[in-house]
Full PDB file with SEQRES, HELIX, SHEET, SSBOND, CRYST1, ORIGX, SCALE, CONECT and MASTER records, all heavy atoms in Angstrom:
SEQRES   1 A   38  LEU PHE ASP HIS GLU LEU SER VAL ASN GLU VAL ILE LEU          
SEQRES   2 A   38  GLN PRO THR ARG LYS GLU PHE GLU GLY THR TYR THR PHE          
SEQRES   3 A   38  VAL VAL PHE PRO TYR LEU LYS VAL THR LYS GLY ASN              
HELIX    1 AA1 VAL A    8  GLU A   10  5                                   3    
HELIX    2 AA2 PHE A   29  TYR A   31  5                                   3    
HELIX    3 AA3 LEU A   32  THR A   35  1                                   4    
SHEET    1 AA1 2 LEU A  13  PRO A  15  0                                        
SHEET    2 AA1 2 TYR A  24  PHE A  26 -1                                        
CRYST1    1.000    1.000    1.000  90.00  90.00  90.00 P 1           1          
ORIGX1      1.000000  0.000000  0.000000        0.00000                         
ORIGX2      0.000000  1.000000  0.000000        0.00000                         
ORIGX3      0.000000  0.000000  1.000000        0.00000                         
SCALE1      1.000000  0.000000  0.000000        0.00000                         
SCALE2      0.000000  1.000000  0.000000        0.00000                         
SCALE3      0.000000  0.000000  1.000000        0.00000                         
ATOM      1  N   LEU A   1      90.541  95.659  88.287  1.00  0.00           N  
ATOM      2  CA  LEU A   1      90.225  94.556  89.202  1.00  0.00           C  
ATOM      3  C   LEU A   1      88.728  94.278  89.320  1.00  0.00           C  
ATOM      4  O   LEU A   1      88.299  93.131  89.430  1.00  0.00           O  
ATOM      5  CB  LEU A   1      90.773  94.865  90.602  1.00  0.00           C  
ATOM      6  CG  LEU A   1      92.297  94.944  90.752  1.00  0.00           C  
ATOM      7  CD1 LEU A   1      92.660  95.511  92.122  1.00  0.00           C  
ATOM      8  CD2 LEU A   1      92.919  93.558  90.582  1.00  0.00           C  
ATOM      9  N   PHE A   2      87.926  95.343  89.298  1.00  0.00           N  
ATOM     10  CA  PHE A   2      86.490  95.174  89.610  1.00  0.00           C  
ATOM     11  C   PHE A   2      85.572  95.670  88.495  1.00  0.00           C  
ATOM     12  O   PHE A   2      84.353  95.693  88.661  1.00  0.00           O  
ATOM     13  CB  PHE A   2      86.149  95.915  90.908  1.00  0.00           C  
ATOM     14  CG  PHE A   2      87.142  95.689  92.019  1.00  0.00           C  
ATOM     15  CD1 PHE A   2      87.924  96.737  92.516  1.00  0.00           C  
ATOM     16  CD2 PHE A   2      87.321  94.412  92.557  1.00  0.00           C  
ATOM     17  CE1 PHE A   2      88.853  96.532  93.530  1.00  0.00           C  
ATOM     18  CE2 PHE A   2      88.250  94.200  93.573  1.00  0.00           C  
ATOM     19  CZ  PHE A   2      89.025  95.256  94.064  1.00  0.00           C  
ATOM     20  N   ASP A   3      86.198  96.104  87.359  1.00  0.00           N  
ATOM     21  CA  ASP A   3      85.439  96.658  86.240  1.00  0.00           C  
ATOM     22  C   ASP A   3      84.472  97.752  86.735  1.00  0.00           C  
ATOM     23  O   ASP A   3      83.306  97.798  86.353  1.00  0.00           O  
ATOM     24  CB  ASP A   3      84.657  95.541  85.501  1.00  0.00           C  
ATOM     25  CG  ASP A   3      84.178  96.037  84.133  1.00  0.00           C  
ATOM     26  OD1 ASP A   3      84.831  96.939  83.579  1.00  0.00           O  
ATOM     27  OD2 ASP A   3      83.138  95.532  83.650  1.00  0.00           O  
ATOM     28  N   HIS A   4      84.996  98.603  87.608  1.00  0.00           N  
ATOM     29  CA  HIS A   4      84.174  99.669  88.216  1.00  0.00           C  
ATOM     30  C   HIS A   4      84.785 101.028  87.892  1.00  0.00           C  
ATOM     31  O   HIS A   4      85.985 101.244  88.049  1.00  0.00           O  
ATOM     32  CB  HIS A   4      84.116  99.469  89.737  1.00  0.00           C  
ATOM     33  CG  HIS A   4      83.323 100.534  90.444  1.00  0.00           C  
ATOM     34  ND1 HIS A   4      81.957 100.555  90.470  1.00  0.00           N  
ATOM     35  CD2 HIS A   4      83.740 101.644  91.146  1.00  0.00           C  
ATOM     36  CE1 HIS A   4      81.542 101.605  91.164  1.00  0.00           C  
ATOM     37  NE2 HIS A   4      82.608 102.287  91.578  1.00  0.00           N  
ATOM     38  N   GLU A   5      83.926 101.953  87.427  1.00  0.00           N  
ATOM     39  CA  GLU A   5      84.388 103.308  87.116  1.00  0.00           C  
ATOM     40  C   GLU A   5      84.415 104.139  88.408  1.00  0.00           C  
ATOM     41  O   GLU A   5      83.374 104.495  88.950  1.00  0.00           O  
ATOM     42  CB  GLU A   5      83.446 103.985  86.103  1.00  0.00           C  
ATOM     43  CG  GLU A   5      83.395 103.306  84.740  1.00  0.00           C  
ATOM     44  CD  GLU A   5      84.672 103.513  83.924  1.00  0.00           C  
ATOM     45  OE1 GLU A   5      85.462 104.411  84.273  1.00  0.00           O  
ATOM     46  OE2 GLU A   5      84.881 102.754  82.960  1.00  0.00           O  
ATOM     47  N   LEU A   6      85.599 104.433  88.892  1.00  0.00           N  
ATOM     48  CA  LEU A   6      85.779 105.304  90.063  1.00  0.00           C  
ATOM     49  C   LEU A   6      86.616 106.491  89.584  1.00  0.00           C  
ATOM     50  O   LEU A   6      87.792 106.337  89.270  1.00  0.00           O  
ATOM     51  CB  LEU A   6      86.502 104.551  91.190  1.00  0.00           C  
ATOM     52  CG  LEU A   6      86.749 105.322  92.488  1.00  0.00           C  
ATOM     53  CD1 LEU A   6      85.447 105.651  93.202  1.00  0.00           C  
ATOM     54  CD2 LEU A   6      87.667 104.529  93.423  1.00  0.00           C  
ATOM     55  N   SER A   7      85.994 107.664  89.488  1.00  0.00           N  
ATOM     56  CA  SER A   7      86.720 108.816  88.934  1.00  0.00           C  
ATOM     57  C   SER A   7      87.841 109.236  89.888  1.00  0.00           C  
ATOM     58  O   SER A   7      87.772 109.008  91.098  1.00  0.00           O  
ATOM     59  CB  SER A   7      85.772 109.995  88.686  1.00  0.00           C  
ATOM     60  OG  SER A   7      85.447 110.623  89.910  1.00  0.00           O  
ATOM     61  N   VAL A   8      88.864 109.859  89.316  1.00  0.00           N  
ATOM     62  CA  VAL A   8      90.021 110.318  90.099  1.00  0.00           C  
ATOM     63  C   VAL A   8      89.568 111.264  91.210  1.00  0.00           C  
ATOM     64  O   VAL A   8      90.063 111.212  92.341  1.00  0.00           O  
ATOM     65  CB  VAL A   8      91.060 111.020  89.171  1.00  0.00           C  
ATOM     66  CG1 VAL A   8      92.175 111.660  89.988  1.00  0.00           C  
ATOM     67  CG2 VAL A   8      91.624 110.026  88.173  1.00  0.00           C  
ATOM     68  N   ASN A   9      88.592 112.119  90.909  1.00  0.00           N  
ATOM     69  CA  ASN A   9      88.099 113.086  91.907  1.00  0.00           C  
ATOM     70  C   ASN A   9      87.366 112.424  93.073  1.00  0.00           C  
ATOM     71  O   ASN A   9      87.260 112.997  94.153  1.00  0.00           O  
ATOM     72  CB  ASN A   9      87.178 114.122  91.251  1.00  0.00           C  
ATOM     73  CG  ASN A   9      87.952 115.064  90.344  1.00  0.00           C  
ATOM     74  OD1 ASN A   9      89.157 115.241  90.519  1.00  0.00           O  
ATOM     75  ND2 ASN A   9      87.282 115.644  89.362  1.00  0.00           N  
ATOM     76  N   GLU A  10      86.845 111.226  92.831  1.00  0.00           N  
ATOM     77  CA  GLU A  10      86.133 110.503  93.901  1.00  0.00           C  
ATOM     78  C   GLU A  10      87.087 109.818  94.884  1.00  0.00           C  
ATOM     79  O   GLU A  10      86.702 109.477  95.997  1.00  0.00           O  
ATOM     80  CB  GLU A  10      85.211 109.428  93.288  1.00  0.00           C  
ATOM     81  CG  GLU A  10      83.946 109.966  92.653  1.00  0.00           C  
ATOM     82  CD  GLU A  10      83.127 108.835  92.038  1.00  0.00           C  
ATOM     83  OE1 GLU A  10      83.436 108.430  90.893  1.00  0.00           O  
ATOM     84  OE2 GLU A  10      82.220 108.334  92.718  1.00  0.00           O  
ATOM     85  N   VAL A  11      88.323 109.608  94.449  1.00  0.00           N  
ATOM     86  CA  VAL A  11      89.307 108.913  95.294  1.00  0.00           C  
ATOM     87  C   VAL A  11      89.797 109.874  96.380  1.00  0.00           C  
ATOM     88  O   VAL A  11      90.351 110.933  96.085  1.00  0.00           O  
ATOM     89  CB  VAL A  11      90.501 108.403  94.464  1.00  0.00           C  
ATOM     90  CG1 VAL A  11      91.526 107.730  95.377  1.00  0.00           C  
ATOM     91  CG2 VAL A  11      90.028 107.432  93.388  1.00  0.00           C  
ATOM     92  N   ILE A  12      89.590 109.511  97.628  1.00  0.00           N  
ATOM     93  CA  ILE A  12      90.013 110.354  98.756  1.00  0.00           C  
ATOM     94  C   ILE A  12      91.191 109.692  99.463  1.00  0.00           C  
ATOM     95  O   ILE A  12      91.125 108.531  99.861  1.00  0.00           O  
ATOM     96  CB  ILE A  12      88.843 110.585  99.742  1.00  0.00           C  
ATOM     97  CG1 ILE A  12      87.729 111.367  99.039  1.00  0.00           C  
ATOM     98  CG2 ILE A  12      89.314 111.341 100.983  1.00  0.00           C  
ATOM     99  CD1 ILE A  12      86.429 111.431  99.804  1.00  0.00           C  
ATOM    100  N   LEU A  13      92.266 110.455  99.589  1.00  0.00           N  
ATOM    101  CA  LEU A  13      93.456 109.975 100.299  1.00  0.00           C  
ATOM    102  C   LEU A  13      93.600 110.723 101.615  1.00  0.00           C  
ATOM    103  O   LEU A  13      93.315 111.912 101.698  1.00  0.00           O  
ATOM    104  CB  LEU A  13      94.717 110.207  99.452  1.00  0.00           C  
ATOM    105  CG  LEU A  13      94.824 109.422  98.139  1.00  0.00           C  
ATOM    106  CD1 LEU A  13      96.045 109.880  97.352  1.00  0.00           C  
ATOM    107  CD2 LEU A  13      94.896 107.921  98.383  1.00  0.00           C  
ATOM    108  N   GLN A  14      94.031 110.017 102.642  1.00  0.00           N  
ATOM    109  CA  GLN A  14      94.285 110.629 103.945  1.00  0.00           C  
ATOM    110  C   GLN A  14      95.770 110.464 104.280  1.00  0.00           C  
ATOM    111  O   GLN A  14      96.409 109.537 103.788  1.00  0.00           O  
ATOM    112  CB  GLN A  14      93.471 109.928 105.033  1.00  0.00           C  
ATOM    113  CG  GLN A  14      91.966 109.986 104.841  1.00  0.00           C  
ATOM    114  CD  GLN A  14      91.236 109.167 105.903  1.00  0.00           C  
ATOM    115  OE1 GLN A  14      91.850 108.476 106.714  1.00  0.00           O  
ATOM    116  NE2 GLN A  14      89.917 109.224 105.880  1.00  0.00           N  
ATOM    117  N   PRO A  15      96.299 111.332 105.150  1.00  0.00           N  
ATOM    118  CA  PRO A  15      97.670 111.095 105.599  1.00  0.00           C  
ATOM    119  C   PRO A  15      97.704 109.827 106.460  1.00  0.00           C  
ATOM    120  O   PRO A  15      96.799 109.589 107.269  1.00  0.00           O  
ATOM    121  CB  PRO A  15      97.988 112.324 106.463  1.00  0.00           C  
ATOM    122  CG  PRO A  15      96.914 113.318 106.176  1.00  0.00           C  
ATOM    123  CD  PRO A  15      95.720 112.554 105.735  1.00  0.00           C  
ATOM    124  N   THR A  16      98.726 109.010 106.279  1.00  0.00           N  
ATOM    125  CA  THR A  16      98.861 107.784 107.084  1.00  0.00           C  
ATOM    126  C   THR A  16      99.201 108.152 108.528  1.00  0.00           C  
ATOM    127  O   THR A  16      99.987 109.062 108.776  1.00  0.00           O  
ATOM    128  CB  THR A  16      99.980 106.891 106.509  1.00  0.00           C  
ATOM    129  OG1 THR A  16      99.657 106.608 105.144  1.00  0.00           O  
ATOM    130  CG2 THR A  16     100.108 105.584 107.265  1.00  0.00           C  
ATOM    131  N   ARG A  17      98.585 107.441 109.453  1.00  0.00           N  
ATOM    132  CA  ARG A  17      98.873 107.694 110.870  1.00  0.00           C  
ATOM    133  C   ARG A  17     100.329 107.371 111.158  1.00  0.00           C  
ATOM    134  O   ARG A  17     100.898 106.436 110.590  1.00  0.00           O  
ATOM    135  CB  ARG A  17      97.940 106.866 111.745  1.00  0.00           C  
ATOM    136  CG  ARG A  17      96.502 107.423 111.743  1.00  0.00           C  
ATOM    137  CD  ARG A  17      95.506 106.481 112.361  1.00  0.00           C  
ATOM    138  NE  ARG A  17      95.843 106.180 113.759  1.00  0.00           N  
ATOM    139  CZ  ARG A  17      95.052 105.473 114.564  1.00  0.00           C  
ATOM    140  NH1 ARG A  17      93.912 104.990 114.110  1.00  0.00           N  
ATOM    141  NH2 ARG A  17      95.400 105.247 115.809  1.00  0.00           N  
ATOM    142  N   LYS A  18     100.929 108.176 112.057  1.00  0.00           N  
ATOM    143  CA  LYS A  18     102.370 108.112 112.319  1.00  0.00           C  
ATOM    144  C   LYS A  18     102.859 106.715 112.729  1.00  0.00           C  
ATOM    145  O   LYS A  18     103.991 106.341 112.447  1.00  0.00           O  
ATOM    146  CB  LYS A  18     102.748 109.104 113.426  1.00  0.00           C  
ATOM    147  CG  LYS A  18     102.583 110.566 113.035  1.00  0.00           C  
ATOM    148  CD  LYS A  18     103.782 111.076 112.280  1.00  0.00           C  
ATOM    149  CE  LYS A  18     103.668 112.576 112.004  1.00  0.00           C  
ATOM    150  NZ  LYS A  18     104.686 113.059 111.079  1.00  0.00           N  
ATOM    151  N   GLU A  19     101.986 105.938 113.407  1.00  0.00           N  
ATOM    152  CA  GLU A  19     102.441 104.629 113.910  1.00  0.00           C  
ATOM    153  C   GLU A  19     102.534 103.556 112.820  1.00  0.00           C  
ATOM    154  O   GLU A  19     103.004 102.443 113.071  1.00  0.00           O  
ATOM    155  CB  GLU A  19     101.559 104.141 115.065  1.00  0.00           C  
ATOM    156  CG  GLU A  19     100.080 103.936 114.710  1.00  0.00           C  
ATOM    157  CD  GLU A  19      99.218 105.140 115.058  1.00  0.00           C  
ATOM    158  OE1 GLU A  19      99.704 106.281 114.929  1.00  0.00           O  
ATOM    159  OE2 GLU A  19      98.052 104.928 115.442  1.00  0.00           O  
ATOM    160  N   PHE A  20     102.067 103.876 111.589  1.00  0.00           N  
ATOM    161  CA  PHE A  20     102.125 102.887 110.504  1.00  0.00           C  
ATOM    162  C   PHE A  20     103.092 103.344 109.417  1.00  0.00           C  
ATOM    163  O   PHE A  20     103.324 104.537 109.238  1.00  0.00           O  
ATOM    164  CB  PHE A  20     100.727 102.663 109.907  1.00  0.00           C  
ATOM    165  CG  PHE A  20      99.703 102.208 110.913  1.00  0.00           C  
ATOM    166  CD1 PHE A  20      98.575 102.973 111.182  1.00  0.00           C  
ATOM    167  CD2 PHE A  20      99.870 101.010 111.606  1.00  0.00           C  
ATOM    168  CE1 PHE A  20      97.633 102.568 112.129  1.00  0.00           C  
ATOM    169  CE2 PHE A  20      98.932 100.594 112.543  1.00  0.00           C  
ATOM    170  CZ  PHE A  20      97.816 101.374 112.806  1.00  0.00           C  
ATOM    171  N   GLU A  21     103.616 102.385 108.669  1.00  0.00           N  
ATOM    172  CA  GLU A  21     104.463 102.703 107.520  1.00  0.00           C  
ATOM    173  C   GLU A  21     103.587 103.266 106.414  1.00  0.00           C  
ATOM    174  O   GLU A  21     102.460 102.815 106.212  1.00  0.00           O  
ATOM    175  CB  GLU A  21     105.175 101.425 107.011  1.00  0.00           C  
ATOM    176  CG  GLU A  21     106.239 100.875 107.955  1.00  0.00           C  
ATOM    177  CD  GLU A  21     107.416 101.817 108.102  1.00  0.00           C  
ATOM    178  OE1 GLU A  21     107.866 102.386 107.087  1.00  0.00           O  
ATOM    179  OE2 GLU A  21     107.884 102.018 109.248  1.00  0.00           O  
ATOM    180  N   GLY A  22     104.112 104.232 105.682  1.00  0.00           N  
ATOM    181  CA  GLY A  22     103.361 104.795 104.557  1.00  0.00           C  
ATOM    182  C   GLY A  22     103.164 106.298 104.700  1.00  0.00           C  
ATOM    183  O   GLY A  22     103.478 106.898 105.730  1.00  0.00           O  
ATOM    184  N   THR A  23     102.647 106.888 103.607  1.00  0.00           N  
ATOM    185  CA  THR A  23     102.384 108.339 103.588  1.00  0.00           C  
ATOM    186  C   THR A  23     100.920 108.623 103.284  1.00  0.00           C  
ATOM    187  O   THR A  23     100.315 109.490 103.893  1.00  0.00           O  
ATOM    188  CB  THR A  23     103.260 109.022 102.508  1.00  0.00           C  
ATOM    189  OG1 THR A  23     104.610 108.597 102.664  1.00  0.00           O  
ATOM    190  CG2 THR A  23     103.194 110.530 102.637  1.00  0.00           C  
ATOM    191  N   TYR A  24     100.384 107.898 102.311  1.00  0.00           N  
ATOM    192  CA  TYR A  24      98.976 108.080 101.931  1.00  0.00           C  
ATOM    193  C   TYR A  24      98.170 106.855 102.353  1.00  0.00           C  
ATOM    194  O   TYR A  24      98.645 105.730 102.232  1.00  0.00           O  
ATOM    195  CB  TYR A  24      98.837 108.247 100.417  1.00  0.00           C  
ATOM    196  CG  TYR A  24      99.453 109.509  99.863  1.00  0.00           C  
ATOM    197  CD1 TYR A  24     100.667 109.463  99.169  1.00  0.00           C  
ATOM    198  CD2 TYR A  24      98.826 110.747 100.021  1.00  0.00           C  
ATOM    199  CE1 TYR A  24     101.235 110.613  98.645  1.00  0.00           C  
ATOM    200  CE2 TYR A  24      99.398 111.899  99.499  1.00  0.00           C  
ATOM    201  CZ  TYR A  24     100.602 111.833  98.814  1.00  0.00           C  
ATOM    202  OH  TYR A  24     101.152 112.979  98.305  1.00  0.00           O  
ATOM    203  N   THR A  25      96.948 107.108 102.803  1.00  0.00           N  
ATOM    204  CA  THR A  25      96.052 106.009 103.189  1.00  0.00           C  
ATOM    205  C   THR A  25      94.753 106.103 102.402  1.00  0.00           C  
ATOM    206  O   THR A  25      94.149 107.181 102.300  1.00  0.00           O  
ATOM    207  CB  THR A  25      95.751 106.059 104.700  1.00  0.00           C  
ATOM    208  OG1 THR A  25      96.970 105.820 105.407  1.00  0.00           O  
ATOM    209  CG2 THR A  25      94.728 104.999 105.100  1.00  0.00           C  
ATOM    210  N   PHE A  26      94.356 104.956 101.822  1.00  0.00           N  
ATOM    211  CA  PHE A  26      93.076 104.859 101.126  1.00  0.00           C  
ATOM    212  C   PHE A  26      92.162 103.949 101.951  1.00  0.00           C  
ATOM    213  O   PHE A  26      92.535 102.829 102.303  1.00  0.00           O  
ATOM    214  CB  PHE A  26      93.282 104.262  99.722  1.00  0.00           C  
ATOM    215  CG  PHE A  26      92.003 104.044  98.964  1.00  0.00           C  
ATOM    216  CD1 PHE A  26      91.224 105.116  98.537  1.00  0.00           C  
ATOM    217  CD2 PHE A  26      91.559 102.751  98.687  1.00  0.00           C  
ATOM    218  CE1 PHE A  26      90.035 104.904  97.830  1.00  0.00           C  
ATOM    219  CE2 PHE A  26      90.378 102.538  97.993  1.00  0.00           C  
ATOM    220  CZ  PHE A  26      89.611 103.618  97.565  1.00  0.00           C  
ATOM    221  N   VAL A  27      90.974 104.470 102.289  1.00  0.00           N  
ATOM    222  CA  VAL A  27      90.031 103.718 103.127  1.00  0.00           C  
ATOM    223  C   VAL A  27      89.160 102.836 102.221  1.00  0.00           C  
ATOM    224  O   VAL A  27      88.449 103.341 101.343  1.00  0.00           O  
ATOM    225  CB  VAL A  27      89.153 104.665 103.976  1.00  0.00           C  
ATOM    226  CG1 VAL A  27      88.230 103.864 104.879  1.00  0.00           C  
ATOM    227  CG2 VAL A  27      90.023 105.605 104.807  1.00  0.00           C  
ATOM    228  N   VAL A  28      89.216 101.534 102.445  1.00  0.00           N  
ATOM    229  CA  VAL A  28      88.557 100.553 101.568  1.00  0.00           C  
ATOM    230  C   VAL A  28      87.076 100.359 101.920  1.00  0.00           C  
ATOM    231  O   VAL A  28      86.260 100.054 101.044  1.00  0.00           O  
ATOM    232  CB  VAL A  28      89.307  99.192 101.646  1.00  0.00           C  
ATOM    233  CG1 VAL A  28      88.653  98.149 100.761  1.00  0.00           C  
ATOM    234  CG2 VAL A  28      90.769  99.362 101.260  1.00  0.00           C  
ATOM    235  N   PHE A  29      86.723 100.556 103.208  1.00  0.00           N  
ATOM    236  CA  PHE A  29      85.362 100.244 103.685  1.00  0.00           C  
ATOM    237  C   PHE A  29      84.209 100.697 102.769  1.00  0.00           C  
ATOM    238  O   PHE A  29      83.299  99.909 102.503  1.00  0.00           O  
ATOM    239  CB  PHE A  29      85.137 100.838 105.086  1.00  0.00           C  
ATOM    240  CG  PHE A  29      85.956 100.167 106.153  1.00  0.00           C  
ATOM    241  CD1 PHE A  29      86.977 100.870 106.784  1.00  0.00           C  
ATOM    242  CD2 PHE A  29      85.741  98.849 106.513  1.00  0.00           C  
ATOM    243  CE1 PHE A  29      87.757 100.270 107.771  1.00  0.00           C  
ATOM    244  CE2 PHE A  29      86.513  98.234 107.504  1.00  0.00           C  
ATOM    245  CZ  PHE A  29      87.522  98.948 108.130  1.00  0.00           C  
ATOM    246  N   PRO A  30      84.215 101.953 102.261  1.00  0.00           N  
ATOM    247  CA  PRO A  30      83.053 102.394 101.461  1.00  0.00           C  
ATOM    248  C   PRO A  30      82.869 101.623 100.161  1.00  0.00           C  
ATOM    249  O   PRO A  30      81.817 101.735  99.514  1.00  0.00           O  
ATOM    250  CB  PRO A  30      83.365 103.873 101.165  1.00  0.00           C  
ATOM    251  CG  PRO A  30      84.402 104.278 102.160  1.00  0.00           C  
ATOM    252  CD  PRO A  30      85.192 103.047 102.429  1.00  0.00           C  
ATOM    253  N   TYR A  31      83.867 100.814  99.747  1.00  0.00           N  
ATOM    254  CA  TYR A  31      83.816 100.173  98.429  1.00  0.00           C  
ATOM    255  C   TYR A  31      83.672  98.654  98.488  1.00  0.00           C  
ATOM    256  O   TYR A  31      83.880  97.964  97.495  1.00  0.00           O  
ATOM    257  CB  TYR A  31      85.084 100.544  97.626  1.00  0.00           C  
ATOM    258  CG  TYR A  31      85.264 102.035  97.502  1.00  0.00           C  
ATOM    259  CD1 TYR A  31      86.156 102.711  98.334  1.00  0.00           C  
ATOM    260  CD2 TYR A  31      84.512 102.770  96.595  1.00  0.00           C  
ATOM    261  CE1 TYR A  31      86.312 104.087  98.244  1.00  0.00           C  
ATOM    262  CE2 TYR A  31      84.651 104.146  96.495  1.00  0.00           C  
ATOM    263  CZ  TYR A  31      85.549 104.800  97.329  1.00  0.00           C  
ATOM    264  OH  TYR A  31      85.689 106.161  97.236  1.00  0.00           O  
ATOM    265  N   LEU A  32      83.305  98.126  99.660  1.00  0.00           N  
ATOM    266  CA  LEU A  32      83.237  96.661  99.806  1.00  0.00           C  
ATOM    267  C   LEU A  32      82.158  96.033  98.926  1.00  0.00           C  
ATOM    268  O   LEU A  32      82.275  94.882  98.507  1.00  0.00           O  
ATOM    269  CB  LEU A  32      83.035  96.284 101.277  1.00  0.00           C  
ATOM    270  CG  LEU A  32      84.205  96.667 102.220  1.00  0.00           C  
ATOM    271  CD1 LEU A  32      83.897  96.250 103.650  1.00  0.00           C  
ATOM    272  CD2 LEU A  32      85.523  96.047 101.741  1.00  0.00           C  
ATOM    273  N   LYS A  33      81.095  96.797  98.617  1.00  0.00           N  
ATOM    274  CA  LYS A  33      80.060  96.276  97.708  1.00  0.00           C  
ATOM    275  C   LYS A  33      80.623  96.099  96.305  1.00  0.00           C  
ATOM    276  O   LYS A  33      80.195  95.229  95.546  1.00  0.00           O  
ATOM    277  CB  LYS A  33      78.858  97.221  97.664  1.00  0.00           C  
ATOM    278  CG  LYS A  33      77.951  97.105  98.886  1.00  0.00           C  
ATOM    279  CD  LYS A  33      76.726  97.984  98.735  1.00  0.00           C  
ATOM    280  CE  LYS A  33      75.826  97.870  99.975  1.00  0.00           C  
ATOM    281  NZ  LYS A  33      74.707  98.822  99.922  1.00  0.00           N  
ATOM    282  N   VAL A  34      81.596  96.947  95.972  1.00  0.00           N  
ATOM    283  CA  VAL A  34      82.229  96.865  94.648  1.00  0.00           C  
ATOM    284  C   VAL A  34      83.260  95.734  94.631  1.00  0.00           C  
ATOM    285  O   VAL A  34      83.304  94.917  93.708  1.00  0.00           O  
ATOM    286  CB  VAL A  34      82.918  98.217  94.298  1.00  0.00           C  
ATOM    287  CG1 VAL A  34      83.716  98.095  92.996  1.00  0.00           C  
ATOM    288  CG2 VAL A  34      81.892  99.330  94.196  1.00  0.00           C  
ATOM    289  N   THR A  35      84.084  95.664  95.692  1.00  0.00           N  
ATOM    290  CA  THR A  35      85.177  94.662  95.707  1.00  0.00           C  
ATOM    291  C   THR A  35      84.673  93.252  96.019  1.00  0.00           C  
ATOM    292  O   THR A  35      85.338  92.266  95.707  1.00  0.00           O  
ATOM    293  CB  THR A  35      86.239  95.046  96.759  1.00  0.00           C  
ATOM    294  OG1 THR A  35      85.645  94.989  98.070  1.00  0.00           O  
ATOM    295  CG2 THR A  35      86.787  96.449  96.515  1.00  0.00           C  
ATOM    296  N   LYS A  36      83.489  93.190  96.684  1.00  0.00           N  
ATOM    297  CA  LYS A  36      82.867  91.915  97.057  1.00  0.00           C  
ATOM    298  C   LYS A  36      83.824  91.037  97.897  1.00  0.00           C  
ATOM    299  O   LYS A  36      83.837  89.810  97.778  1.00  0.00           O  
ATOM    300  CB  LYS A  36      82.387  91.146  95.818  1.00  0.00           C  
ATOM    301  CG  LYS A  36      81.287  91.882  95.076  1.00  0.00           C  
ATOM    302  CD  LYS A  36      80.738  91.081  93.908  1.00  0.00           C  
ATOM    303  CE  LYS A  36      79.488  91.696  93.330  1.00  0.00           C  
ATOM    304  NZ  LYS A  36      79.606  93.098  92.901  1.00  0.00           N  
ATOM    305  N   GLY A  37      84.643  91.703  98.697  1.00  0.00           N  
ATOM    306  CA  GLY A  37      85.546  90.977  99.592  1.00  0.00           C  
ATOM    307  C   GLY A  37      85.543  91.628 100.962  1.00  0.00           C  
ATOM    308  O   GLY A  37      84.867  92.635 101.175  1.00  0.00           O  
ATOM    309  N   ASN A  38      86.295  91.056 101.909  1.00  0.00           N  
ATOM    310  CA  ASN A  38      86.372  91.702 103.217  1.00  0.00           C  
ATOM    311  C   ASN A  38      87.409  92.836 103.162  1.00  0.00           C  
ATOM    312  O   ASN A  38      88.177  92.928 102.194  1.00  0.00           O  
ATOM    313  CB  ASN A  38      86.692  90.683 104.319  1.00  0.00           C  
ATOM    314  CG  ASN A  38      88.055  90.040 104.135  1.00  0.00           C  
ATOM    315  OD1 ASN A  38      89.037  90.715 103.811  1.00  0.00           O  
ATOM    316  ND2 ASN A  38      88.130  88.734 104.324  1.00  0.00           N  
TER     317      ASN A  38                                                      
MASTER        0    0    0    3    2    0    0    6  316    1    0    3          
END                                                                             
């Protein structure tokens, strides 16, 4: 999507909070300069 090298080891997953659907959560905020979107 962004032609950006992000190594597997750099990807941090958190457990999803109980009130939301899902199991793994990826936090997008640190990568907004790469995605150039909100």
